[in-house]
């Protein structure tokens, strides 16, 4: 797995982020809940990169 940073400034604004393959395409996506900004809501960040099995 390759480490990637979405945006370091988001670290203080997210509550309980989770990594999972939400769209079942083989790569990790992010599910998070904003701590204060326009809460309550849930955000889903889909990783649309290409997955290559080695």
Protein backbone atom coordinates (compact mmCIF):
# COMPACT_ATOMS: atom_id res chain seq x y z
CA UNK A 1 0.00 0.00 0.00
CA UNK A 2 1.28 3.47 -0.84
CA UNK A 3 0.85 6.25 1.72
CA UNK A 4 -0.98 9.32 0.41
CA UNK A 5 -2.03 12.51 2.16
CA UNK A 6 -5.38 13.95 1.09
CA UNK A 7 -4.89 17.36 2.72
CA UNK A 8 -3.00 17.87 6.01
CA UNK A 9 -5.30 20.74 6.99
CA UNK A 10 -8.25 18.31 7.13
CA UNK A 11 -6.68 16.41 10.03
CA UNK A 12 -8.16 18.84 12.58
CA UNK A 13 -11.59 18.94 10.91
CA UNK A 14 -12.45 15.24 10.54
CA UNK A 15 -13.99 13.04 13.19
CA UNK A 16 -13.56 9.27 13.02
CA UNK A 17 -12.36 8.87 9.40
CA UNK A 18 -12.42 5.27 8.12
CA UNK A 19 -10.69 3.58 5.18
CA UNK A 20 -12.62 0.96 3.24
CA UNK A 21 -13.25 -0.24 -0.29
CA UNK A 22 -16.70 1.38 -0.42
CA UNK A 23 -17.30 1.00 -4.17
CA UNK A 24 -15.79 -2.53 -4.39
CA UNK A 25 -13.20 -1.61 -7.03
CA UNK A 26 -10.15 -2.87 -5.12
CA UNK A 27 -8.77 0.43 -3.80
CA UNK A 28 -9.28 2.25 -0.50
CA UNK A 29 -11.86 5.01 -0.19
CA UNK A 30 -12.47 7.36 2.75
CA UNK A 31 -15.62 7.73 4.83
CA UNK A 32 -15.55 10.64 7.26
CA UNK A 33 -17.71 12.88 9.35
CA UNK A 34 -16.79 16.58 9.52
CA UNK A 35 -16.17 17.78 13.06
CA UNK A 36 -17.73 21.24 12.74
CA UNK A 37 -18.03 22.40 9.12
CA UNK A 38 -21.64 22.08 7.87
CA UNK A 39 -22.29 19.23 10.31
CA UNK A 40 -24.20 16.95 10.62
CA UNK A 41 -23.26 15.10 7.44
CA UNK A 42 -21.09 12.25 6.17
CA UNK A 43 -18.55 12.57 3.33
CA UNK A 44 -17.45 9.77 1.01
CA UNK A 45 -14.19 10.23 -0.90
CA UNK A 46 -13.92 7.68 -3.71
CA UNK A 47 -10.44 6.76 -4.90
CA UNK A 48 -10.85 6.46 -8.67
CA UNK A 49 -7.25 5.45 -9.30
CA UNK A 50 -6.35 2.32 -11.21
CA UNK A 51 -5.85 -0.81 -9.13
CA UNK A 52 -3.11 -3.17 -10.31
CA UNK A 53 -2.67 -6.59 -8.71
CA UNK A 54 0.94 -7.66 -8.35
